Amino acid sequence: MPRSASCTLLAEKLQPTALYLSALPVPSPTAATASMFILFSFLILFSRLSGAITENNVKAMFIFGDSLVDAGNNDFLETTVKCNYFPYGVDFSSGSTGRCTNGRTSADILGQLLGLPHLLPVFYDPHTRGSSILAGVNYASGGAGILDSTDQSGNVTSLSNQIVNFGETTLPDLKIQLHGSLALSSYLSQSIFLFCIGGNDYMASCTLSGVPIECDLQRLTEVLIRNYTNQLVRAYDFGARKFVVFNILQTGCIPYYENHNNGWCVHVLNEASALFNNKLGPALKNLSENLPGFAFVYINASGIISEMINHPTTYGLKKLNASCCLVSESSEGAFCAEGTEPCPDRSIYAYYDGLHPTEQLYMQLATKAYSSELHSEAYPFNVEVLANLNTSVVLREVSSLHVHEH
């Protein structure tokens, strides 16, 4: 992003404050002096914050999550949760790679929008070492959850173990590649840490073979949010500063669950999504207020996808409750049947198999995450602003202004 464009965007973000100041009634001389000082300090802060926006500031992206962003880690694990066969990848340049869709995931597309030089390698690939990790690594594992207990029968990698993989394996390798701790710290502070996980925890606890079962949503949500924030703090302690966090989708009405419930939605999963998402945003805000330099973008993935489903013609969608591929009986309708031909026009389908969106939905989700100006979609700003934000400069200047005011 050109510096002038970035500064214009920042000015637009700060405009309400400026308008508020200009609308104040004419004060007394003493009050006028104080008001002028505040306004002068604000203008100084704005001019300094201009230096906090830098062109193409993102160094790398590190991805943590489940099958919505897994790019093939499960291919290297002894698990049945795999998408490394045709018709998966029918629209992907390298064919079937382990992505559970017809083409790219939202994380792939977001990386391209950020200008990363290539699609990120997966952690479990033996070649993901040395210089190949400098643009980032994908740790996501299909079937994974926030809790270690979620789908461990499938031998997948939970969020906590994904963080361990980053901290114990990738981090020391990066330190060698970047020649020391100082360069590593700077590099990490200019990298994006993307998280997309949580839906599987509710599916594992509140459904069985696609049918709803009794679960304590309130208690489970409290446990999930507590564990999630703990893992984000662990990533922060390893050096992460810029967090992009996708909330969880409303999965109760996807093809897999409707097929198992005579066309009816599993409402408990939609309730779980709303409950979790309502607590996730405030939890992120709390972290940003207590951890110096912690900056986040909360992506309302649930709202963005729901908007597409509720207004399909706007996005060219015609098939909302059907899977593009023929789903297999062995997976109980969750995954594509190996070797079968998918639907000819993937662009009109919302879902590729019983669980996962098509690239069409992922494209819209990634684009909105990157550039949306709506707080209902990306809060408190979009990924483009976060990527080009020097969080250390912002933190230093805001702290300086706070000291001067007192």
Protein backbone atom coordinates (compact mmCIF):
# COMPACT_ATOMS: atom_id res chain seq x y z
CA MET A 1 0.00 0.00 0.00
CA PRO A 2 1.45 3.42 -0.89
CA ARG A 3 2.20 5.55 2.16
CA SER A 4 -0.15 8.31 1.01
CA ALA A 5 -3.04 5.85 0.71
CA SER A 6 -2.26 4.38 4.13
CA CYS A 7 -2.20 7.80 5.75
CA THR A 8 -5.50 8.69 4.07
CA LEU A 9 -7.01 5.49 5.46
CA LEU A 10 -5.69 6.24 8.94
CA ALA A 11 -7.05 9.78 8.67
CA GLU A 12 -10.47 8.37 7.81
CA LYS A 13 -10.29 6.10 10.88
CA LEU A 14 -9.45 9.10 13.10
CA GLN A 15 -11.89 11.49 11.41
CA PRO A 16 -14.72 11.12 13.99
CA THR A 17 -12.39 12.41 16.73
CA ALA A 18 -11.39 15.40 14.62
CA LEU A 19 -15.03 16.17 13.83
CA TYR A 20 -15.90 15.92 17.51
CA LEU A 21 -13.17 18.38 18.43
CA SER A 22 -14.29 20.86 15.76
CA ALA A 23 -17.87 20.66 17.00
CA LEU A 24 -17.08 21.66 20.60
CA PRO A 25 -18.64 24.95 21.81
CA VAL A 26 -16.35 27.98 22.12
CA PRO A 27 -14.70 27.61 25.57
CA SER A 28 -13.40 30.13 28.07
CA PRO A 29 -9.75 31.31 27.65
CA THR A 30 -8.48 28.81 30.24
CA ALA A 31 -10.49 25.96 28.76
CA ALA A 32 -9.48 27.10 25.29
CA THR A 33 -5.81 26.72 26.22
CA ALA A 34 -6.42 23.17 27.45
CA SER A 35 -8.46 22.32 24.37
CA MET A 36 -5.77 23.71 22.09
CA PHE A 37 -3.18 21.58 23.87
CA ILE A 38 -5.30 18.47 23.39
CA LEU A 39 -5.85 19.28 19.73
CA PHE A 40 -2.16 20.07 19.24
CA SER A 41 -1.19 16.79 20.92
CA PHE A 42 -3.66 14.91 18.73
CA LEU A 43 -2.17 16.44 15.57
CA ILE A 44 1.34 15.55 16.72
CA LEU A 45 0.20 11.99 17.41
CA PHE A 46 -1.40 11.75 13.97
CA SER A 47 1.76 12.98 12.24
CA ARG A 48 3.84 10.45 14.16
CA LEU A 49 1.39 7.64 13.50
CA SER A 50 1.89 8.31 9.80
CA GLY A 51 5.27 6.72 10.35
CA ALA A 52 3.54 3.69 11.82
CA ILE A 53 2.09 2.86 8.40
CA THR A 54 4.73 1.37 6.17
CA GLU A 55 4.60 -0.04 2.68
CA ASN A 56 4.38 -3.84 2.40
CA ASN A 57 5.41 -4.28 6.02
CA VAL A 58 4.35 -7.93 6.35
CA LYS A 59 7.24 -10.39 6.47
CA ALA A 60 5.44 -13.71 6.84
CA MET A 61 2.24 -15.42 7.89
CA PHE A 62 1.83 -18.33 10.28
CA ILE A 63 -1.45 -20.26 10.12
CA PHE A 64 -3.08 -22.21 12.96
CA GLY A 65 -6.43 -23.95 12.74
CA ASP A 66 -8.52 -26.81 11.41
CA SER A 67 -9.62 -28.14 8.01
CA LEU A 68 -10.90 -24.72 6.91
CA VAL A 69 -7.25 -23.64 6.54
CA ASP A 70 -5.31 -26.95 6.50
CA ALA A 71 -3.20 -27.07 3.36
CA GLY A 72 -2.03 -30.66 3.71
CA ASN A 73 -0.54 -31.27 7.16
CA ASN A 74 -2.81 -34.26 7.69
CA ASP A 75 -1.30 -35.88 4.59
CA PHE A 76 1.76 -36.59 6.76
CA LEU A 77 -0.19 -37.94 9.75
CA GLU A 78 -1.66 -41.35 10.45
CA THR A 79 -5.22 -40.10 10.31
CA THR A 80 -8.36 -40.77 8.30
CA VAL A 81 -9.14 -37.02 8.18
CA LYS A 82 -7.59 -36.33 4.78
CA CYS A 83 -8.52 -34.53 1.58
CA ASN A 84 -5.52 -35.53 -0.52
CA TYR A 85 -7.40 -37.19 -3.38
CA PHE A 86 -9.52 -36.21 -6.37
CA PRO A 87 -12.00 -34.48 -6.60
CA TYR A 88 -10.39 -32.24 -3.97
CA GLY A 89 -8.13 -29.69 -5.63
CA VAL A 90 -9.89 -29.92 -9.00
CA ASP A 91 -9.36 -26.16 -9.45
CA PHE A 92 -6.02 -25.97 -7.64
CA SER A 93 -2.85 -25.56 -9.68
CA SER A 94 -1.15 -28.53 -7.99
CA GLY A 95 -4.22 -30.74 -7.87
CA SER A 96 -5.11 -32.56 -4.64
CA THR A 97 -2.87 -31.25 -1.86
CA GLY A 98 -4.88 -31.90 1.29
CA ARG A 99 -7.05 -28.79 1.10
CA CYS A 100 -10.68 -29.75 1.75
CA THR A 101 -12.12 -27.74 -1.12
CA ASN A 102 -11.96 -27.42 -4.89
CA GLY A 103 -9.25 -24.75 -4.89
CA ARG A 104 -7.63 -22.37 -2.44
CA THR A 105 -8.62 -21.74 1.16
CA SER A 106 -9.22 -18.30 2.65
CA ALA A 107 -5.75 -18.43 4.21
CA ASP A 108 -4.16 -19.10 0.80
CA ILE A 109 -5.99 -16.18 -0.75
CA LEU A 110 -5.21 -13.87 2.15
CA GLY A 111 -1.52 -14.70 1.81
CA GLN A 112 -1.65 -13.77 -1.87
CA LEU A 113 -3.42 -10.49 -1.07
CA LEU A 114 -0.68 -9.73 1.44
CA GLY A 115 1.92 -10.17 -1.28
CA LEU A 116 3.63 -13.25 0.14
CA PRO A 117 5.94 -14.78 -2.48
CA HIS A 118 4.31 -18.22 -2.53
CA LEU A 119 1.70 -20.41 -0.88
CA LEU A 120 2.90 -21.39 2.55
CA PRO A 121 4.43 -24.83 3.15
CA VAL A 122 2.85 -27.15 5.71
CA PHE A 123 4.75 -27.88 8.90
CA TYR A 124 4.81 -31.68 8.63
CA ASP A 125 6.35 -31.69 5.17
CA PRO A 126 10.00 -32.71 5.77
CA HIS A 127 11.10 -30.00 3.33
CA THR A 128 9.59 -27.24 5.49
CA ARG A 129 12.88 -26.23 7.03
CA GLY A 130 15.60 -23.65 6.41
CA SER A 131 14.96 -20.82 3.97
CA SER A 132 11.61 -22.31 2.88
CA ILE A 133 10.00 -21.10 6.13
CA LEU A 134 10.90 -17.41 5.80
CA ALA A 135 7.54 -16.42 4.27
CA GLY A 136 5.67 -18.42 6.92
CA VAL A 137 4.37 -21.89 7.73
CA ASN A 138 0.94 -23.54 7.89
CA TYR A 139 0.38 -25.65 11.05
CA ALA A 140 -3.38 -26.23 10.65
CA SER A 141 -4.72 -29.76 10.98
CA GLY A 142 -8.11 -30.97 9.73
CA GLY A 143 -10.30 -32.16 12.59
CA ALA A 144 -8.32 -30.21 15.19
CA GLY A 145 -9.87 -28.28 18.03
CA ILE A 146 -8.96 -25.77 20.69
CA LEU A 147 -9.08 -28.59 23.24
CA ASP A 148 -6.54 -31.39 23.08
CA SER A 149 -9.36 -33.89 23.60
CA THR A 150 -11.22 -32.89 20.41
CA ASP A 151 -11.02 -35.64 17.77
CA GLN A 152 -7.85 -37.21 19.16
CA SER A 153 -9.21 -40.55 17.97
CA GLY A 154 -8.45 -39.16 14.51
CA ASN A 155 -4.81 -38.50 15.46
CA VAL A 156 -4.83 -34.82 14.42
CA THR A 157 -2.84 -31.89 15.82
CA SER A 158 -4.66 -29.75 18.39
CA LEU A 159 -4.13 -25.99 18.67
CA SER A 160 -1.81 -26.30 21.66
CA ASN A 161 0.39 -28.76 19.78
CA GLN A 162 0.39 -26.51 16.71
CA ILE A 163 1.76 -23.72 18.94
CA VAL A 164 4.35 -26.18 20.29
CA ASN A 165 5.40 -26.99 16.72
CA PHE A 166 5.91 -23.29 16.05
CA GLY A 167 7.78 -22.57 19.27
CA GLU A 168 9.97 -25.66 19.55
CA THR A 169 10.79 -26.32 15.90
CA THR A 170 10.15 -23.34 13.64
CA LEU A 171 11.31 -20.60 16.03
CA PRO A 172 14.86 -21.95 16.55
CA ASP A 173 15.15 -22.52 12.79
CA LEU A 174 14.06 -18.93 12.11
CA LYS A 175 16.63 -17.63 14.59
CA ILE A 176 19.34 -19.37 12.60
CA GLN A 177 18.00 -18.12 9.27
CA LEU A 178 17.74 -14.53 10.53
CA HIS A 179 21.09 -14.58 12.37
CA GLY A 180 20.04 -13.75 15.89
CA SER A 181 17.35 -12.83 18.38
CA LEU A 182 17.11 -9.12 17.54
CA ALA A 183 16.36 -9.73 13.86
CA LEU A 184 13.96 -12.54 14.81
CA SER A 185 12.02 -10.28 17.17
CA SER A 186 11.65 -7.60 14.48
CA TYR A 187 10.62 -10.20 11.89
CA LEU A 188 7.95 -11.74 14.15
CA SER A 189 6.51 -8.34 15.05
CA GLN A 190 5.98 -7.71 11.33
CA SER A 191 4.40 -11.11 10.63
CA ILE A 192 0.75 -12.15 10.63
CA PHE A 193 -0.46 -14.93 12.94
CA LEU A 194 -3.76 -16.29 11.63
CA PHE A 195 -6.11 -18.41 13.73
CA CYS A 196 -9.21 -20.24 12.48
CA ILE A 197 -10.42 -22.91 14.90
CA GLY A 198 -13.18 -23.84 17.34
CA GLY A 199 -16.01 -25.36 15.32
CA ASN A 200 -14.81 -28.95 15.76
CA ASP A 201 -14.91 -28.63 19.55
CA TYR A 202 -18.68 -28.05 19.43
CA MET A 203 -19.24 -30.72 16.78
CA ALA A 204 -17.37 -33.27 18.91
CA SER A 205 -19.17 -32.37 22.14
CA CYS A 206 -22.68 -31.53 20.93
CA THR A 207 -23.31 -33.98 18.06
CA LEU A 208 -22.80 -37.67 17.39
CA SER A 209 -22.77 -38.94 13.79
CA GLY A 210 -24.40 -35.70 12.70
CA VAL A 211 -27.24 -35.87 15.25
CA PRO A 212 -27.45 -33.41 18.17
CA ILE A 213 -26.79 -34.68 21.69
CA GLU A 214 -27.04 -32.96 25.04
CA CYS A 215 -24.17 -30.63 25.97
CA ASP A 216 -23.61 -27.72 28.33
CA LEU A 217 -23.01 -24.86 25.89
CA GLN A 218 -22.29 -22.23 28.53
CA ARG A 219 -19.68 -24.27 30.36
CA LEU A 220 -18.08 -25.57 27.16
CA THR A 221 -17.83 -22.06 25.74
CA GLU A 222 -16.17 -20.75 28.89
CA VAL A 223 -13.61 -23.57 28.71
CA LEU A 224 -12.97 -22.96 25.01
CA ILE A 225 -12.51 -19.19 25.34
CA ARG A 226 -10.18 -19.64 28.32
CA ASN A 227 -8.08 -22.23 26.48
CA TYR A 228 -8.07 -20.19 23.27
CA THR A 229 -6.84 -17.03 24.96
CA ASN A 230 -4.15 -19.03 26.75
CA GLN A 231 -2.86 -20.28 23.40
CA LEU A 232 -2.90 -16.77 21.93
CA VAL A 233 -0.84 -15.61 24.92
CA ARG A 234 1.62 -18.45 24.29
CA ALA A 235 2.00 -17.28 20.69
CA TYR A 236 2.49 -13.73 21.99
CA ASP A 237 5.18 -14.94 24.39
CA PHE A 238 6.96 -16.53 21.42
CA GLY A 239 7.02 -13.12 19.69
CA ALA A 240 3.71 -12.86 17.79
CA ARG A 241 2.23 -9.35 17.75
CA LYS A 242 -0.22 -9.19 14.83
CA PHE A 243 -3.16 -11.57 15.18
CA VAL A 244 -5.89 -12.27 12.63
CA VAL A 245 -8.62 -14.31 14.32
CA PHE A 246 -11.59 -15.75 12.41
CA ASN A 247 -14.68 -16.48 14.46
CA ILE A 248 -16.46 -19.80 13.97
CA LEU A 249 -19.08 -20.44 11.29
CA GLN A 250 -22.71 -21.33 11.85
CA THR A 251 -22.37 -24.98 10.91
CA GLY A 252 -25.83 -26.18 11.96
CA CYS A 253 -27.30 -25.80 8.47
CA ILE A 254 -24.46 -27.12 6.31
CA PRO A 255 -25.23 -30.11 4.02
CA TYR A 256 -23.75 -32.71 6.38
CA TYR A 257 -26.08 -31.86 9.27
CA GLU A 258 -29.17 -31.24 7.17
CA ASN A 259 -28.70 -34.65 5.52
CA HIS A 260 -28.51 -36.34 8.92
CA ASN A 261 -31.58 -34.56 10.29
CA ASN A 262 -34.14 -34.88 7.49
CA GLY A 263 -33.38 -31.47 6.08
CA TRP A 264 -33.47 -29.70 9.45
CA CYS A 265 -30.68 -27.59 10.90
CA VAL A 266 -28.86 -28.55 14.09
CA HIS A 267 -29.71 -25.40 15.98
CA VAL A 268 -27.44 -26.14 18.92
CA LEU A 269 -24.42 -25.60 16.67
CA ASN A 270 -25.73 -22.24 15.49
CA GLU A 271 -26.38 -21.28 19.10
CA ALA A 272 -22.85 -22.38 19.95
CA SER A 273 -21.42 -20.21 17.18
CA ALA A 274 -23.27 -17.13 18.42
CA LEU A 275 -22.28 -17.76 22.04
CA PHE A 276 -18.62 -18.37 21.23
CA ASN A 277 -18.31 -15.43 18.85
CA ASN A 278 -19.93 -13.03 21.30
CA LYS A 279 -17.25 -13.90 23.84
CA LEU A 280 -14.30 -14.11 21.45
CA GLY A 281 -14.32 -10.44 20.42
CA PRO A 282 -14.21 -9.07 23.99
CA ALA A 283 -11.52 -11.63 24.89
CA LEU A 284 -9.31 -10.31 22.08
CA LYS A 285 -9.92 -6.72 23.15
CA ASN A 286 -8.94 -7.64 26.69
CA LEU A 287 -5.67 -9.16 25.47
CA SER A 288 -4.89 -6.02 23.46
CA GLU A 289 -5.40 -3.90 26.57
CA ASN A 290 -3.14 -6.04 28.75
CA LEU A 291 -0.37 -7.20 26.42
CA PRO A 292 1.89 -4.41 25.09
CA GLY A 293 2.01 -4.39 21.29
CA PHE A 294 -0.75 -7.00 20.89
CA ALA A 295 -2.74 -5.98 17.79
CA PHE A 296 -5.63 -7.97 16.37
CA VAL A 297 -8.22 -8.13 13.63
CA TYR A 298 -11.40 -10.01 14.49
CA ILE A 299 -12.92 -11.45 11.32
CA ASN A 300 -16.65 -12.08 11.47
CA ALA A 301 -16.46 -15.14 9.20
CA SER A 302 -19.84 -16.34 10.43
CA GLY A 303 -21.52 -13.08 9.47
CA ILE A 304 -19.76 -12.84 6.11
CA ILE A 305 -20.70 -16.40 5.08
CA SER A 306 -24.26 -15.98 6.40
CA GLU A 307 -24.61 -12.81 4.32
CA MET A 308 -23.67 -14.79 1.22
CA ILE A 309 -26.10 -17.59 2.04
CA ASN A 310 -28.92 -15.15 2.79
CA HIS A 311 -28.33 -13.10 -0.40
CA PRO A 312 -27.11 -15.75 -2.86
CA THR A 313 -27.87 -13.91 -6.10
CA THR A 314 -25.56 -11.06 -5.06
CA TYR A 315 -22.68 -13.53 -5.03
CA GLY A 316 -23.74 -15.75 -7.94
CA LEU A 317 -24.74 -18.67 -5.72
CA LYS A 318 -27.56 -21.06 -6.64
CA LYS A 319 -26.85 -24.24 -4.66
CA LEU A 320 -26.86 -23.51 -0.93
CA ASN A 321 -27.74 -26.84 0.72
CA ALA A 322 -26.11 -29.35 -1.61
CA SER A 323 -22.55 -30.64 -1.86
CA CYS A 324 -20.74 -30.03 -5.12
CA CYS A 325 -19.05 -33.43 -4.95
CA LEU A 326 -20.63 -36.83 -4.37
CA VAL A 327 -20.08 -37.50 -0.68
CA SER A 328 -18.93 -40.90 0.55
CA GLU A 329 -20.88 -43.32 2.74
CA SER A 330 -17.71 -44.24 4.62
CA SER A 331 -17.43 -40.66 5.92
CA GLU A 332 -21.17 -40.54 6.66
CA GLY A 333 -21.56 -37.81 4.05
CA ALA A 334 -18.83 -35.52 5.37
CA PHE A 335 -16.18 -35.90 2.64
CA CYS A 336 -16.09 -36.42 -1.13
CA ALA A 337 -16.08 -39.94 -2.52
CA GLU A 338 -12.63 -40.58 -3.95
CA GLY A 339 -12.32 -40.49 -7.75
CA THR A 340 -15.82 -39.19 -8.44
CA GLU A 341 -16.52 -36.22 -10.71
CA PRO A 342 -17.55 -32.99 -8.98
CA CYS A 343 -20.24 -30.62 -10.18
CA PRO A 344 -19.23 -28.84 -13.41
CA ASP A 345 -19.86 -25.28 -12.15
CA ARG A 346 -18.28 -24.93 -8.72
CA SER A 347 -18.90 -21.18 -8.63
CA ILE A 348 -22.63 -21.56 -7.95
CA TYR A 349 -22.17 -23.90 -4.95
CA ALA A 350 -21.70 -22.73 -1.39
CA TYR A 351 -20.27 -26.06 -0.18
CA TYR A 352 -17.86 -28.42 -1.86
CA ASP A 353 -18.45 -31.48 0.34
CA GLY A 354 -20.66 -32.01 3.37
CA LEU A 355 -18.62 -29.73 5.63
CA HIS A 356 -16.41 -27.33 3.73
CA PRO A 357 -17.06 -24.22 1.63
CA THR A 358 -16.06 -23.84 -2.00
CA GLU A 359 -13.30 -21.52 -3.15
CA GLN A 360 -16.09 -19.12 -4.16
CA LEU A 361 -16.98 -18.55 -0.50
CA TYR A 362 -13.35 -18.53 0.61
CA MET A 363 -12.57 -15.83 -1.97
CA GLN A 364 -15.26 -13.53 -0.61
CA LEU A 365 -14.24 -14.24 2.98
CA ALA A 366 -10.56 -13.51 2.36
CA THR A 367 -11.26 -10.38 0.32
CA LYS A 368 -13.51 -8.93 3.00
CA ALA A 369 -11.03 -9.84 5.73
CA TYR A 370 -8.31 -8.04 3.81
CA SER A 371 -10.07 -4.86 2.75
CA SER A 372 -13.52 -4.44 4.30
CA GLU A 373 -14.22 -1.07 5.91
CA LEU A 374 -17.19 -2.47 7.84
CA HIS A 375 -16.62 -3.09 11.55
CA SER A 376 -19.31 -5.76 11.32
CA GLU A 377 -16.93 -7.73 9.07
CA ALA A 378 -13.43 -6.81 10.28
CA TYR A 379 -12.77 -5.15 13.64
CA PRO A 380 -11.20 -2.78 14.64
CA PHE A 381 -9.77 -2.51 11.11
CA ASN A 382 -8.99 -4.84 8.24
CA VAL A 383 -5.99 -7.09 7.63
CA GLU A 384 -4.45 -4.67 5.13
CA VAL A 385 -4.21 -1.99 7.82
CA LEU A 386 -2.87 -4.47 10.38
CA ALA A 387 -0.23 -5.77 7.97
CA ASN A 388 1.10 -2.29 7.34
CA LEU A 389 0.94 -1.15 10.95
CA ASN A 390 4.14 -0.77 12.97
CA THR A 391 2.69 -1.72 16.34
CA SER A 392 5.80 -0.71 18.28
CA VAL A 393 5.59 2.86 16.93
CA VAL A 394 1.89 3.13 17.73
CA LEU A 395 2.41 1.81 21.25
CA ARG A 396 5.34 4.15 21.93
CA GLU A 397 3.61 7.27 20.62
CA VAL A 398 0.30 6.62 22.37
CA SER A 399 2.14 5.98 25.65
CA SER A 400 4.12 9.19 25.17
CA LEU A 401 0.97 11.25 24.62
CA HIS A 402 -0.63 9.70 27.71
CA VAL A 403 2.37 10.74 29.86
CA HIS A 404 2.32 14.32 28.53
CA GLU A 405 -1.40 14.69 29.30
CA HIS A 406 -0.72 13.95 32.93
